[in-house]
N, C-alpha and C. Protein backbone atom coordinates (compact mmCIF):
# COMPACT_ATOMS: atom_id res chain seq x y z
N UNK A 1 16.26 5.47 2.17
CA UNK A 1 15.17 5.16 1.25
C UNK A 1 14.77 6.47 0.55
N UNK A 2 14.60 6.43 -0.75
CA UNK A 2 14.15 7.63 -1.48
C UNK A 2 12.78 8.09 -0.99
N UNK A 3 12.57 9.41 -0.98
CA UNK A 3 11.31 9.97 -0.49
C UNK A 3 10.11 9.40 -1.24
N UNK A 4 10.24 9.26 -2.56
CA UNK A 4 9.11 8.76 -3.36
C UNK A 4 8.73 7.34 -2.94
N UNK A 5 9.71 6.48 -2.76
CA UNK A 5 9.44 5.10 -2.35
C UNK A 5 8.80 5.07 -0.97
N UNK A 6 9.25 5.95 -0.09
CA UNK A 6 8.67 6.02 1.25
C UNK A 6 7.22 6.49 1.17
N UNK A 7 6.93 7.51 0.38
CA UNK A 7 5.56 7.99 0.23
C UNK A 7 4.67 6.91 -0.35
N UNK A 8 5.17 6.16 -1.31
CA UNK A 8 4.39 5.07 -1.88
C UNK A 8 4.07 4.02 -0.81
N UNK A 9 5.01 3.75 0.06
CA UNK A 9 4.77 2.82 1.16
C UNK A 9 3.69 3.34 2.10
N UNK A 10 3.75 4.62 2.43
CA UNK A 10 2.76 5.24 3.31
C UNK A 10 1.38 5.15 2.66
N UNK A 11 1.30 5.52 1.39
CA UNK A 11 0.00 5.47 0.70
C UNK A 11 -0.53 4.05 0.62
N UNK A 12 0.35 3.07 0.44
CA UNK A 12 -0.08 1.68 0.39
C UNK A 12 -0.69 1.26 1.73
N UNK A 13 -0.04 1.66 2.83
CA UNK A 13 -0.56 1.33 4.16
C UNK A 13 -1.92 1.99 4.37
N UNK A 14 -2.04 3.26 3.98
CA UNK A 14 -3.32 3.96 4.15
C UNK A 14 -4.41 3.34 3.28
N UNK A 15 -4.06 2.94 2.08
CA UNK A 15 -5.05 2.38 1.15
C UNK A 15 -5.52 0.98 1.57
N UNK A 16 -4.58 0.16 1.98
CA UNK A 16 -4.92 -1.24 2.27
C UNK A 16 -5.27 -1.50 3.73
N UNK A 17 -4.76 -0.65 4.63
CA UNK A 17 -5.00 -0.85 6.04
C UNK A 17 -4.08 -1.88 6.69
N UNK A 18 -3.04 -2.31 5.97
CA UNK A 18 -2.11 -3.26 6.58
C UNK A 18 -1.30 -2.56 7.66
N UNK A 19 -0.67 -3.34 8.52
CA UNK A 19 0.23 -2.80 9.54
C UNK A 19 1.51 -2.34 8.89
N UNK A 20 2.19 -1.39 9.56
CA UNK A 20 3.47 -0.90 9.04
C UNK A 20 4.46 -2.05 8.86
N UNK A 21 4.39 -3.02 9.75
CA UNK A 21 5.30 -4.16 9.64
C UNK A 21 4.99 -5.02 8.42
N UNK A 22 3.78 -4.84 7.84
CA UNK A 22 3.39 -5.62 6.67
C UNK A 22 4.05 -5.16 5.38
N UNK A 23 4.61 -3.94 5.38
CA UNK A 23 5.35 -3.50 4.19
C UNK A 23 6.61 -4.33 4.06
N UNK A 24 6.87 -4.80 2.88
CA UNK A 24 8.03 -5.66 2.71
C UNK A 24 8.63 -5.48 1.33
N UNK A 25 9.82 -6.04 1.16
CA UNK A 25 10.47 -5.98 -0.15
C UNK A 25 9.67 -6.75 -1.18
N UNK A 26 8.97 -7.78 -0.77
CA UNK A 26 8.14 -8.55 -1.69
C UNK A 26 7.04 -7.68 -2.30
N UNK A 27 6.59 -6.67 -1.56
CA UNK A 27 5.57 -5.75 -2.05
C UNK A 27 6.19 -4.59 -2.82
N UNK A 28 7.52 -4.54 -2.86
CA UNK A 28 8.20 -3.47 -3.57
C UNK A 28 8.59 -2.31 -2.68
N UNK A 29 8.50 -2.50 -1.37
CA UNK A 29 8.84 -1.46 -0.41
C UNK A 29 10.01 -1.91 0.44
N UNK A 30 10.49 -1.00 1.23
CA UNK A 30 11.51 -1.35 2.20
C UNK A 30 10.85 -1.46 3.57
N UNK A 31 11.50 -1.01 4.58
CA UNK A 31 11.02 -1.15 5.94
C UNK A 31 9.79 -0.29 6.21
N UNK A 32 8.76 -0.92 6.75
CA UNK A 32 7.57 -0.19 7.16
C UNK A 32 7.87 0.79 8.28
N UNK A 33 8.79 0.43 9.15
CA UNK A 33 9.16 1.33 10.25
C UNK A 33 9.87 2.57 9.73
N UNK A 34 10.64 2.42 8.67
CA UNK A 34 11.29 3.59 8.06
C UNK A 34 10.23 4.52 7.49
N UNK A 35 9.24 3.97 6.81
CA UNK A 35 8.15 4.78 6.25
C UNK A 35 7.39 5.46 7.37
N UNK A 36 7.11 4.75 8.44
CA UNK A 36 6.38 5.30 9.58
C UNK A 36 7.16 6.44 10.21
N UNK A 37 8.46 6.24 10.43
CA UNK A 37 9.28 7.30 11.02
C UNK A 37 9.32 8.54 10.13
N UNK A 38 9.43 8.32 8.83
CA UNK A 38 9.49 9.44 7.89
C UNK A 38 8.18 10.22 7.89
N UNK A 39 7.05 9.54 7.89
CA UNK A 39 5.76 10.24 7.88
C UNK A 39 5.54 10.95 9.22
N UNK A 40 5.94 10.33 10.31
CA UNK A 40 5.83 10.95 11.62
C UNK A 40 6.66 12.23 11.69
N UNK A 41 7.86 12.17 11.15
CA UNK A 41 8.73 13.36 11.11
C UNK A 41 8.07 14.47 10.29
N UNK A 42 7.46 14.12 9.17
CA UNK A 42 6.79 15.11 8.32
C UNK A 42 5.59 15.72 9.03
N UNK A 43 4.83 14.91 9.72
CA UNK A 43 3.67 15.40 10.47
C UNK A 43 4.14 16.37 11.55
N UNK A 44 5.16 15.98 12.30
CA UNK A 44 5.67 16.84 13.37
C UNK A 44 6.24 18.14 12.83
N UNK A 45 6.76 18.14 11.63
CA UNK A 45 7.32 19.34 11.02
C UNK A 45 6.25 20.25 10.42
N UNK A 46 4.99 19.80 10.42
CA UNK A 46 3.89 20.62 9.92
C UNK A 46 3.70 20.55 8.41
N UNK A 47 4.32 19.58 7.76
CA UNK A 47 4.23 19.47 6.31
C UNK A 47 2.77 19.32 5.86
N UNK A 48 2.01 18.49 6.53
CA UNK A 48 0.64 18.23 6.09
C UNK A 48 -0.30 19.37 6.44
N UNK A 49 -0.02 20.09 7.52
CA UNK A 49 -0.80 21.29 7.82
C UNK A 49 -0.60 22.32 6.72
N UNK A 50 0.66 22.51 6.30
CA UNK A 50 0.95 23.45 5.21
C UNK A 50 0.28 23.01 3.92
N UNK A 51 0.39 21.73 3.60
CA UNK A 51 -0.23 21.20 2.39
C UNK A 51 -1.75 21.40 2.42
N UNK A 52 -2.36 21.16 3.56
CA UNK A 52 -3.80 21.34 3.71
C UNK A 52 -4.19 22.79 3.46
N UNK A 53 -3.45 23.74 4.03
CA UNK A 53 -3.74 25.16 3.82
C UNK A 53 -3.61 25.55 2.35
N UNK A 54 -2.57 25.06 1.69
CA UNK A 54 -2.34 25.37 0.27
C UNK A 54 -3.48 24.82 -0.59
N UNK A 55 -3.85 23.57 -0.35
CA UNK A 55 -4.93 22.96 -1.13
C UNK A 55 -6.26 23.67 -0.90
N UNK A 56 -6.55 24.04 0.33
CA UNK A 56 -7.79 24.77 0.60
C UNK A 56 -7.80 26.13 -0.09
N UNK A 57 -6.68 26.82 -0.08
CA UNK A 57 -6.60 28.13 -0.75
C UNK A 57 -6.83 27.96 -2.25
N UNK A 58 -6.25 26.93 -2.85
CA UNK A 58 -6.45 26.69 -4.28
C UNK A 58 -7.89 26.31 -4.58
N UNK A 59 -8.48 25.50 -3.75
CA UNK A 59 -9.88 25.12 -3.93
C UNK A 59 -10.80 26.34 -3.80
N UNK A 60 -10.54 27.16 -2.81
CA UNK A 60 -11.35 28.37 -2.64
C UNK A 60 -11.19 29.31 -3.83
N UNK A 61 -9.98 29.47 -4.33
CA UNK A 61 -9.75 30.33 -5.50
C UNK A 61 -10.47 29.77 -6.72
N UNK A 62 -10.43 28.46 -6.90
CA UNK A 62 -11.10 27.84 -8.05
C UNK A 62 -12.62 27.98 -7.92
N UNK A 63 -13.13 27.87 -6.73
CA UNK A 63 -14.58 28.01 -6.50
C UNK A 63 -15.02 29.45 -6.78
N UNK A 64 -14.22 30.42 -6.34
CA UNK A 64 -14.56 31.83 -6.60
C UNK A 64 -14.57 32.13 -8.09
N UNK A 65 -13.62 31.54 -8.84
CA UNK A 65 -13.52 31.85 -10.26
C UNK A 65 -14.57 31.11 -11.09
N UNK A 66 -15.20 30.08 -10.55
CA UNK A 66 -16.22 29.34 -11.29
C UNK A 66 -17.57 29.37 -10.58
N UNK A 67 -17.71 30.28 -9.63
CA UNK A 67 -18.93 30.36 -8.82
C UNK A 67 -20.12 30.82 -9.62
N UNK A 68 -21.25 31.03 -8.94
CA UNK A 68 -22.51 31.44 -9.59
C UNK A 68 -22.33 32.74 -10.38
N UNK A 69 -22.95 32.80 -11.55
CA UNK A 69 -22.91 33.99 -12.37
C UNK A 69 -21.65 34.15 -13.19
N UNK A 70 -20.82 33.13 -13.25
CA UNK A 70 -19.57 33.21 -14.01
C UNK A 70 -19.61 32.26 -15.17
């Protein structure tokens, strides 16, 4: 399954609250278990921890550049 399609499946589950088994071809996705395994692998690899650190650094930099007195 392409990474983008898998991410869309993950986001759909998070947005709607359906079970992983609820993802189906009728909804435009493939296997919910495939999406779950892929996201679990990414979590275990630290992808989201890295993303969180990057986003916080960018937010802090933007806040410093637009802070009081600027």
